[in-house]
Amino acid sequence: MEYSLIFAALWVICATIVALLPMRLQFPPGIVLLICAPVLIVWLGYDYGWLWAFLAFGGFVSMFRNPLRYYWRKWVRGEVME
């Protein structure tokens, strides 16, 4: 088994644990997970093929859809959300 798959599985477990935390405690570990995800996705794509990387990217976007939507609106579109 490749290390990329092991680290991806650990990332999923960590993301699940962070999701169980109260909202005010989710931000710091969530940012770390958000930054690590693209590296793991590219690594998975390198080891197993880009179809698996595409599926991992779909799972990543699904898990982080609300934070990604918030920052998309804030940074790219310039909307102020309350």
PDB file of N, CA and C in Angstrom:
ATOM      1  N   MET A   1       0.846  -1.170   0.000  1.00  0.00           N
ATOM      2  CA  MET A   1       0.000   0.000   0.000  1.00  0.00           C
ATOM      3  C   MET A   1       0.899   1.243   0.000  1.00  0.00           C
ATOM      4  N   GLU A   2       0.555   2.190  -0.856  1.00  0.00           N
ATOM      5  CA  GLU A   2       1.341   3.417  -0.987  1.00  0.00           C
ATOM      6  C   GLU A   2       1.102   4.347   0.209  1.00  0.00           C
ATOM      7  N   TYR A   3       2.114   5.158   0.504  1.00  0.00           N
ATOM      8  CA  TYR A   3       1.990   6.116   1.598  1.00  0.00           C
ATOM      9  C   TYR A   3       0.912   7.157   1.327  1.00  0.00           C
ATOM     10  N   SER A   4       0.690   7.481   0.072  1.00  0.00           N
ATOM     11  CA  SER A   4      -0.333   8.478  -0.250  1.00  0.00           C
ATOM     12  C   SER A   4      -1.707   8.014   0.206  1.00  0.00           C
ATOM     13  N   LEU A   5      -1.995   6.734   0.051  1.00  0.00           N
ATOM     14  CA  LEU A   5      -3.289   6.196   0.475  1.00  0.00           C
ATOM     15  C   LEU A   5      -3.403   6.190   1.994  1.00  0.00           C
ATOM     16  N   ILE A   6      -2.319   5.877   2.669  1.00  0.00           N
ATOM     17  CA  ILE A   6      -2.327   5.887   4.139  1.00  0.00           C
ATOM     18  C   ILE A   6      -2.566   7.300   4.661  1.00  0.00           C
ATOM     19  N   PHE A   7      -1.851   8.281   4.090  1.00  0.00           N
ATOM     20  CA  PHE A   7      -2.032   9.659   4.537  1.00  0.00           C
ATOM     21  C   PHE A   7      -3.412  10.194   4.174  1.00  0.00           C
ATOM     22  N   ALA A   8      -3.947   9.776   3.040  1.00  0.00           N
ATOM     23  CA  ALA A   8      -5.297  10.200   2.666  1.00  0.00           C
ATOM     24  C   ALA A   8      -6.329   9.639   3.646  1.00  0.00           C
ATOM     25  N   ALA A   9      -6.144   8.392   4.050  1.00  0.00           N
ATOM     26  CA  ALA A   9      -7.059   7.796   5.024  1.00  0.00           C
ATOM     27  C   ALA A   9      -6.947   8.498   6.378  1.00  0.00           C
ATOM     28  N   LEU A  10      -5.723   8.826   6.781  1.00  0.00           N
ATOM     29  CA  LEU A  10      -5.553   9.580   8.031  1.00  0.00           C
ATOM     30  C   LEU A  10      -6.170  10.971   7.929  1.00  0.00           C
ATOM     31  N   TRP A  11      -6.078  11.594   6.752  1.00  0.00           N
ATOM     32  CA  TRP A  11      -6.692  12.905   6.542  1.00  0.00           C
ATOM     33  C   TRP A  11      -8.206  12.806   6.718  1.00  0.00           C
ATOM     34  N   VAL A  12      -8.818  11.761   6.183  1.00  0.00           N
ATOM     35  CA  VAL A  12     -10.272  11.577   6.311  1.00  0.00           C
ATOM     36  C   VAL A  12     -10.659  11.374   7.773  1.00  0.00           C
ATOM     37  N   ILE A  13      -9.885  10.596   8.503  1.00  0.00           N
ATOM     38  CA  ILE A  13     -10.174  10.382   9.925  1.00  0.00           C
ATOM     39  C   ILE A  13     -10.044  11.694  10.691  1.00  0.00           C
ATOM     40  N   CYS A  14      -8.992  12.458  10.417  1.00  0.00           N
ATOM     41  CA  CYS A  14      -8.811  13.749  11.085  1.00  0.00           C
ATOM     42  C   CYS A  14      -9.938  14.714  10.741  1.00  0.00           C
ATOM     43  N   ALA A  15     -10.368  14.733   9.488  1.00  0.00           N
ATOM     44  CA  ALA A  15     -11.466  15.613   9.085  1.00  0.00           C
ATOM     45  C   ALA A  15     -12.756  15.229   9.791  1.00  0.00           C
ATOM     46  N   THR A  16     -12.973  13.940   9.990  1.00  0.00           N
ATOM     47  CA  THR A  16     -14.164  13.487  10.701  1.00  0.00           C
ATOM     48  C   THR A  16     -14.112  13.913  12.158  1.00  0.00           C
ATOM     49  N   ILE A  17     -12.956  13.801  12.776  1.00  0.00           N
ATOM     50  CA  ILE A  17     -12.811  14.215  14.178  1.00  0.00           C
ATOM     51  C   ILE A  17     -13.008  15.723  14.309  1.00  0.00           C
ATOM     52  N   VAL A  18     -12.450  16.492  13.387  1.00  0.00           N
ATOM     53  CA  VAL A  18     -12.620  17.952  13.422  1.00  0.00           C
ATOM     54  C   VAL A  18     -14.082  18.319  13.246  1.00  0.00           C
ATOM     55  N   ALA A  19     -14.803  17.588  12.416  1.00  0.00           N
ATOM     56  CA  ALA A  19     -16.225  17.874  12.203  1.00  0.00           C
ATOM     57  C   ALA A  19     -17.040  17.639  13.466  1.00  0.00           C
ATOM     58  N   LEU A  20     -16.551  16.796  14.362  1.00  0.00           N
ATOM     59  CA  LEU A  20     -17.264  16.529  15.605  1.00  0.00           C
ATOM     60  C   LEU A  20     -17.004  17.590  16.682  1.00  0.00           C
ATOM     61  N   LEU A  21     -16.010  18.431  16.471  1.00  0.00           N
ATOM     62  CA  LEU A  21     -15.693  19.481  17.442  1.00  0.00           C
ATOM     63  C   LEU A  21     -16.742  20.587  17.394  1.00  0.00           C
ATOM     64  N   PRO A  22     -16.856  21.363  18.480  1.00  0.00           N
ATOM     65  CA  PRO A  22     -17.723  22.538  18.412  1.00  0.00           C
ATOM     66  C   PRO A  22     -17.219  23.510  17.340  1.00  0.00           C
ATOM     67  N   MET A  23     -18.116  24.290  16.779  1.00  0.00           N
ATOM     68  CA  MET A  23     -17.789  25.143  15.633  1.00  0.00           C
ATOM     69  C   MET A  23     -16.621  26.080  15.924  1.00  0.00           C
ATOM     70  N   ARG A  24     -16.544  26.641  17.106  1.00  0.00           N
ATOM     71  CA  ARG A  24     -15.476  27.597  17.418  1.00  0.00           C
ATOM     72  C   ARG A  24     -14.103  26.939  17.467  1.00  0.00           C
ATOM     73  N   LEU A  25     -14.047  25.634  17.670  1.00  0.00           N
ATOM     74  CA  LEU A  25     -12.772  24.915  17.712  1.00  0.00           C
ATOM     75  C   LEU A  25     -12.401  24.272  16.381  1.00  0.00           C
ATOM     76  N   GLN A  26     -13.278  24.353  15.381  1.00  0.00           N
ATOM     77  CA  GLN A  26     -13.016  23.710  14.092  1.00  0.00           C
ATOM     78  C   GLN A  26     -12.072  24.507  13.201  1.00  0.00           C
ATOM     79  N   PHE A  27     -11.979  25.809  13.382  1.00  0.00           N
ATOM     80  CA  PHE A  27     -11.265  26.643  12.422  1.00  0.00           C
ATOM     81  C   PHE A  27      -9.773  26.322  12.305  1.00  0.00           C
ATOM     82  N   PRO A  28      -8.976  26.325  13.386  1.00  0.00           N
ATOM     83  CA  PRO A  28      -7.526  26.077  13.215  1.00  0.00           C
ATOM     84  C   PRO A  28      -7.195  24.719  12.587  1.00  0.00           C
ATOM     85  N   PRO A  29      -7.745  23.611  13.080  1.00  0.00           N
ATOM     86  CA  PRO A  29      -7.405  22.343  12.406  1.00  0.00           C
ATOM     87  C   PRO A  29      -8.039  22.246  11.017  1.00  0.00           C
ATOM     88  N   GLY A  30      -9.169  22.907  10.814  1.00  0.00           N
ATOM     89  CA  GLY A  30      -9.808  22.886   9.505  1.00  0.00           C
ATOM     90  C   GLY A  30      -8.970  23.567   8.442  1.00  0.00           C
ATOM     91  N   ILE A  31      -8.300  24.657   8.814  1.00  0.00           N
ATOM     92  CA  ILE A  31      -7.418  25.352   7.867  1.00  0.00           C
ATOM     93  C   ILE A  31      -6.244  24.453   7.488  1.00  0.00           C
ATOM     94  N   VAL A  32      -5.690  23.761   8.460  1.00  0.00           N
ATOM     95  CA  VAL A  32      -4.575  22.843   8.174  1.00  0.00           C
ATOM     96  C   VAL A  32      -5.035  21.739   7.218  1.00  0.00           C
ATOM     97  N   LEU A  33      -6.209  21.184   7.468  1.00  0.00           N
ATOM     98  CA  LEU A  33      -6.742  20.149   6.578  1.00  0.00           C
ATOM     99  C   LEU A  33      -7.024  20.707   5.187  1.00  0.00           C
ATOM    100  N   LEU A  34      -7.519  21.915   5.127  1.00  0.00           N
ATOM    101  CA  LEU A  34      -7.818  22.563   3.850  1.00  0.00           C
ATOM    102  C   LEU A  34      -6.548  22.788   3.032  1.00  0.00           C
ATOM    103  N   ILE A  35      -5.462  23.134   3.687  1.00  0.00           N
ATOM    104  CA  ILE A  35      -4.185  23.362   3.001  1.00  0.00           C
ATOM    105  C   ILE A  35      -3.544  22.040   2.572  1.00  0.00           C
ATOM    106  N   CYS A  36      -3.671  21.005   3.382  1.00  0.00           N
ATOM    107  CA  CYS A  36      -3.048  19.716   3.063  1.00  0.00           C
ATOM    108  C   CYS A  36      -3.776  18.945   1.968  1.00  0.00           C
ATOM    109  N   ALA A  37      -5.050  19.191   1.787  1.00  0.00           N
ATOM    110  CA  ALA A  37      -5.853  18.401   0.855  1.00  0.00           C
ATOM    111  C   ALA A  37      -5.345  18.436  -0.584  1.00  0.00           C
ATOM    112  N   PRO A  38      -5.049  19.603  -1.168  1.00  0.00           N
ATOM    113  CA  PRO A  38      -4.576  19.577  -2.567  1.00  0.00           C
ATOM    114  C   PRO A  38      -3.280  18.785  -2.756  1.00  0.00           C
ATOM    115  N   VAL A  39      -2.403  18.841  -1.779  1.00  0.00           N
ATOM    116  CA  VAL A  39      -1.146  18.074  -1.868  1.00  0.00           C
ATOM    117  C   VAL A  39      -1.456  16.587  -1.880  1.00  0.00           C
ATOM    118  N   LEU A  40      -2.341  16.148  -0.999  1.00  0.00           N
ATOM    119  CA  LEU A  40      -2.708  14.733  -0.959  1.00  0.00           C
ATOM    120  C   LEU A  40      -3.423  14.297  -2.233  1.00  0.00           C
ATOM    121  N   ILE A  41      -4.267  15.157  -2.780  1.00  0.00           N
ATOM    122  CA  ILE A  41      -4.997  14.806  -4.001  1.00  0.00           C
ATOM    123  C   ILE A  41      -4.037  14.631  -5.174  1.00  0.00           C
ATOM    124  N   VAL A  42      -3.078  15.534  -5.306  1.00  0.00           N
ATOM    125  CA  VAL A  42      -2.089  15.405  -6.389  1.00  0.00           C
ATOM    126  C   VAL A  42      -1.233  14.165  -6.172  1.00  0.00           C
ATOM    127  N   TRP A  43      -0.869  13.901  -4.935  1.00  0.00           N
ATOM    128  CA  TRP A  43      -0.072  12.713  -4.618  1.00  0.00           C
ATOM    129  C   TRP A  43      -0.850  11.435  -4.963  1.00  0.00           C
ATOM    130  N   LEU A  44      -2.136  11.396  -4.620  1.00  0.00           N
ATOM    131  CA  LEU A  44      -2.961  10.247  -4.988  1.00  0.00           C
ATOM    132  C   LEU A  44      -3.047  10.095  -6.508  1.00  0.00           C
ATOM    133  N   GLY A  45      -3.187  11.222  -7.190  1.00  0.00           N
ATOM    134  CA  GLY A  45      -3.237  11.178  -8.645  1.00  0.00           C
ATOM    135  C   GLY A  45      -1.951  10.655  -9.252  1.00  0.00           C
ATOM    136  N   TYR A  46      -0.846  11.028  -8.672  1.00  0.00           N
ATOM    137  CA  TYR A  46       0.458  10.557  -9.153  1.00  0.00           C
ATOM    138  C   TYR A  46       0.606   9.045  -8.952  1.00  0.00           C
ATOM    139  N   ASP A  47       0.163   8.552  -7.785  1.00  0.00           N
ATOM    140  CA  ASP A  47       0.332   7.130  -7.472  1.00  0.00           C
ATOM    141  C   ASP A  47      -0.719   6.229  -8.119  1.00  0.00           C
ATOM    142  N   TYR A  48      -1.964   6.685  -8.199  1.00  0.00           N
ATOM    143  CA  TYR A  48      -3.061   5.805  -8.613  1.00  0.00           C
ATOM    144  C   TYR A  48      -3.765   6.227  -9.893  1.00  0.00           C
ATOM    145  N   GLY A  49      -3.449   7.391 -10.424  1.00  0.00           N
ATOM    146  CA  GLY A  49      -4.104   7.835 -11.654  1.00  0.00           C
ATOM    147  C   GLY A  49      -5.000   9.031 -11.378  1.00  0.00           C
ATOM    148  N   TRP A  50      -5.231   9.772 -12.436  1.00  0.00           N
ATOM    149  CA  TRP A  50      -5.963  11.033 -12.272  1.00  0.00           C
ATOM    150  C   TRP A  50      -7.450  10.841 -12.085  1.00  0.00           C
ATOM    151  N   LEU A  51      -7.994   9.681 -12.450  1.00  0.00           N
ATOM    152  CA  LEU A  51      -9.405   9.416 -12.147  1.00  0.00           C
ATOM    153  C   LEU A  51      -9.618   9.400 -10.636  1.00  0.00           C
ATOM    154  N   TRP A  52      -8.722   8.747  -9.912  1.00  0.00           N
ATOM    155  CA  TRP A  52      -8.840   8.693  -8.452  1.00  0.00           C
ATOM    156  C   TRP A  52      -8.605  10.060  -7.835  1.00  0.00           C
ATOM    157  N   ALA A  53      -7.732  10.844  -8.433  1.00  0.00           N
ATOM    158  CA  ALA A  53      -7.519  12.209  -7.946  1.00  0.00           C
ATOM    159  C   ALA A  53      -8.770  13.046  -8.157  1.00  0.00           C
ATOM    160  N   PHE A  54      -9.427  12.870  -9.290  1.00  0.00           N
ATOM    161  CA  PHE A  54     -10.669  13.591  -9.558  1.00  0.00           C
ATOM    162  C   PHE A  54     -11.747  13.202  -8.558  1.00  0.00           C
ATOM    163  N   LEU A  55     -11.858  11.917  -8.246  1.00  0.00           N
ATOM    164  CA  LEU A  55     -12.834  11.469  -7.246  1.00  0.00           C
ATOM    165  C   LEU A  55     -12.488  11.999  -5.854  1.00  0.00           C
ATOM    166  N   ALA A  56     -11.208  12.027  -5.515  1.00  0.00           N
ATOM    167  CA  ALA A  56     -10.790  12.587  -4.222  1.00  0.00           C
ATOM    168  C   ALA A  56     -11.093  14.080  -4.167  1.00  0.00           C
ATOM    169  N   PHE A  57     -10.894  14.779  -5.282  1.00  0.00           N
ATOM    170  CA  PHE A  57     -11.218  16.200  -5.332  1.00  0.00           C
ATOM    171  C   PHE A  57     -12.718  16.414  -5.140  1.00  0.00           C
ATOM    172  N   GLY A  58     -13.525  15.561  -5.721  1.00  0.00           N
ATOM    173  CA  GLY A  58     -14.978  15.648  -5.516  1.00  0.00           C
ATOM    174  C   GLY A  58     -15.353  15.450  -4.055  1.00  0.00           C
ATOM    175  N   GLY A  59     -14.726  14.510  -3.382  1.00  0.00           N
ATOM    176  CA  GLY A  59     -14.969  14.312  -1.955  1.00  0.00           C
ATOM    177  C   GLY A  59     -14.509  15.491  -1.125  1.00  0.00           C
ATOM    178  N   PHE A  60     -13.380  16.059  -1.494  1.00  0.00           N
ATOM    179  CA  PHE A  60     -12.853  17.229  -0.790  1.00  0.00           C
ATOM    180  C   PHE A  60     -13.809  18.414  -0.919  1.00  0.00           C
ATOM    181  N   VAL A  61     -14.264  18.680  -2.138  1.00  0.00           N
ATOM    182  CA  VAL A  61     -15.191  19.796  -2.355  1.00  0.00           C
ATOM    183  C   VAL A  61     -16.499  19.545  -1.626  1.00  0.00           C
ATOM    184  N   SER A  62     -16.939  18.303  -1.582  1.00  0.00           N
ATOM    185  CA  SER A  62     -18.170  17.971  -0.875  1.00  0.00           C
ATOM    186  C   SER A  62     -18.041  18.232   0.626  1.00  0.00           C
ATOM    187  N   MET A  63     -16.891  17.884   1.208  1.00  0.00           N
ATOM    188  CA  MET A  63     -16.694  18.070   2.646  1.00  0.00           C
ATOM    189  C   MET A  63     -16.534  19.538   3.018  1.00  0.00           C
ATOM    190  N   PHE A  64     -15.889  20.316   2.160  1.00  0.00           N
ATOM    191  CA  PHE A  64     -15.586  21.705   2.469  1.00  0.00           C
ATOM    192  C   PHE A  64     -16.427  22.669   1.636  1.00  0.00           C
ATOM    193  N   ARG A  65     -17.629  22.251   1.222  1.00  0.00           N
ATOM    194  CA  ARG A  65     -18.422  23.092   0.328  1.00  0.00           C
ATOM    195  C   ARG A  65     -18.832  24.413   0.963  1.00  0.00           C
ATOM    196  N   ASN A  66     -19.193  24.436   2.226  1.00  0.00           N
ATOM    197  CA  ASN A  66     -19.605  25.702   2.845  1.00  0.00           C
ATOM    198  C   ASN A  66     -18.436  26.658   3.063  1.00  0.00           C
ATOM    199  N   PRO A  67     -17.297  26.220   3.610  1.00  0.00           N
ATOM    200  CA  PRO A  67     -16.172  27.154   3.723  1.00  0.00           C
ATOM    201  C   PRO A  67     -15.664  27.629   2.366  1.00  0.00           C
ATOM    202  N   LEU A  68     -15.620  26.730   1.388  1.00  0.00           N
ATOM    203  CA  LEU A  68     -15.158  27.132   0.055  1.00  0.00           C
ATOM    204  C   LEU A  68     -16.128  28.122  -0.572  1.00  0.00           C
ATOM    205  N   ARG A  69     -17.414  27.919  -0.394  1.00  0.00           N
ATOM    206  CA  ARG A  69     -18.408  28.855  -0.919  1.00  0.00           C
ATOM    207  C   ARG A  69     -18.269  30.216  -0.243  1.00  0.00           C
ATOM    208  N   TYR A  70     -18.058  30.221   1.056  1.00  0.00           N
ATOM    209  CA  TYR A  70     -17.901  31.474   1.799  1.00  0.00           C
ATOM    210  C   TYR A  70     -16.685  32.264   1.294  1.00  0.00           C
ATOM    211  N   TYR A  71     -15.537  31.589   1.203  1.00  0.00           N
ATOM    212  CA  TYR A  71     -14.333  32.295   0.767  1.00  0.00           C
ATOM    213  C   TYR A  71     -14.397  32.676  -0.714  1.00  0.00           C
ATOM    214  N   TRP A  72     -15.071  31.896  -1.543  1.00  0.00           N
ATOM    215  CA  TRP A  72     -15.261  32.261  -2.944  1.00  0.00           C
ATOM    216  C   TRP A  72     -16.023  33.581  -3.026  1.00  0.00           C
ATOM    217  N   ARG A  73     -17.098  33.674  -2.265  1.00  0.00           N
ATOM    218  CA  ARG A  73     -17.891  34.905  -2.285  1.00  0.00           C
ATOM    219  C   ARG A  73     -17.124  36.080  -1.691  1.00  0.00           C
ATOM    220  N   LYS A  74     -16.357  35.814  -0.653  1.00  0.00           N
ATOM    221  CA  LYS A  74     -15.647  36.894   0.022  1.00  0.00           C
ATOM    222  C   LYS A  74     -14.474  37.411  -0.804  1.00  0.00           C
ATOM    223  N   TRP A  75     -13.650  36.532  -1.318  1.00  0.00           N
ATOM    224  CA  TRP A  75     -12.409  36.943  -1.978  1.00  0.00           C
ATOM    225  C   TRP A  75     -12.596  37.216  -3.458  1.00  0.00           C
ATOM    226  N   VAL A  76     -13.277  36.345  -4.161  1.00  0.00           N
ATOM    227  CA  VAL A  76     -13.354  36.458  -5.606  1.00  0.00           C
ATOM    228  C   VAL A  76     -14.449  37.430  -6.032  1.00  0.00           C
ATOM    229  N   ARG A  77     -15.612  37.267  -5.473  1.00  0.00           N
ATOM    230  CA  ARG A  77     -16.734  38.076  -5.901  1.00  0.00           C
ATOM    231  C   ARG A  77     -16.882  39.372  -5.112  1.00  0.00           C
ATOM    232  N   GLY A  78     -16.198  39.485  -3.988  1.00  0.00           N
ATOM    233  CA  GLY A  78     -16.220  40.708  -3.205  1.00  0.00           C
ATOM    234  C   GLY A  78     -17.480  40.929  -2.404  1.00  0.00           C
ATOM    235  N   GLU A  79     -18.289  39.904  -2.219  1.00  0.00           N
ATOM    236  CA  GLU A  79     -19.504  40.035  -1.426  1.00  0.00           C
ATOM    237  C   GLU A  79     -19.162  40.008   0.056  1.00  0.00           C
ATOM    238  N   VAL A  80     -19.892  40.784   0.811  1.00  0.00           N
ATOM    239  CA  VAL A  80     -19.733  40.782   2.265  1.00  0.00           C
ATOM    240  C   VAL A  80     -20.884  39.980   2.840  1.00  0.00           C
ATOM    241  N   MET A  81     -20.537  38.921   3.551  1.00  0.00           N
ATOM    242  CA  MET A  81     -21.575  38.065   4.124  1.00  0.00           C
ATOM    243  C   MET A  81     -21.675  38.338   5.614  1.00  0.00           C
ATOM    244  N   GLU A  82     -22.849  38.223   6.124  1.00  0.00           N
ATOM    245  CA  GLU A  82     -23.069  38.473   7.559  1.00  0.00           C
ATOM    246  C   GLU A  82     -23.408  37.217   8.286  1.00  0.00           C
TER     247      GLU A  82
END
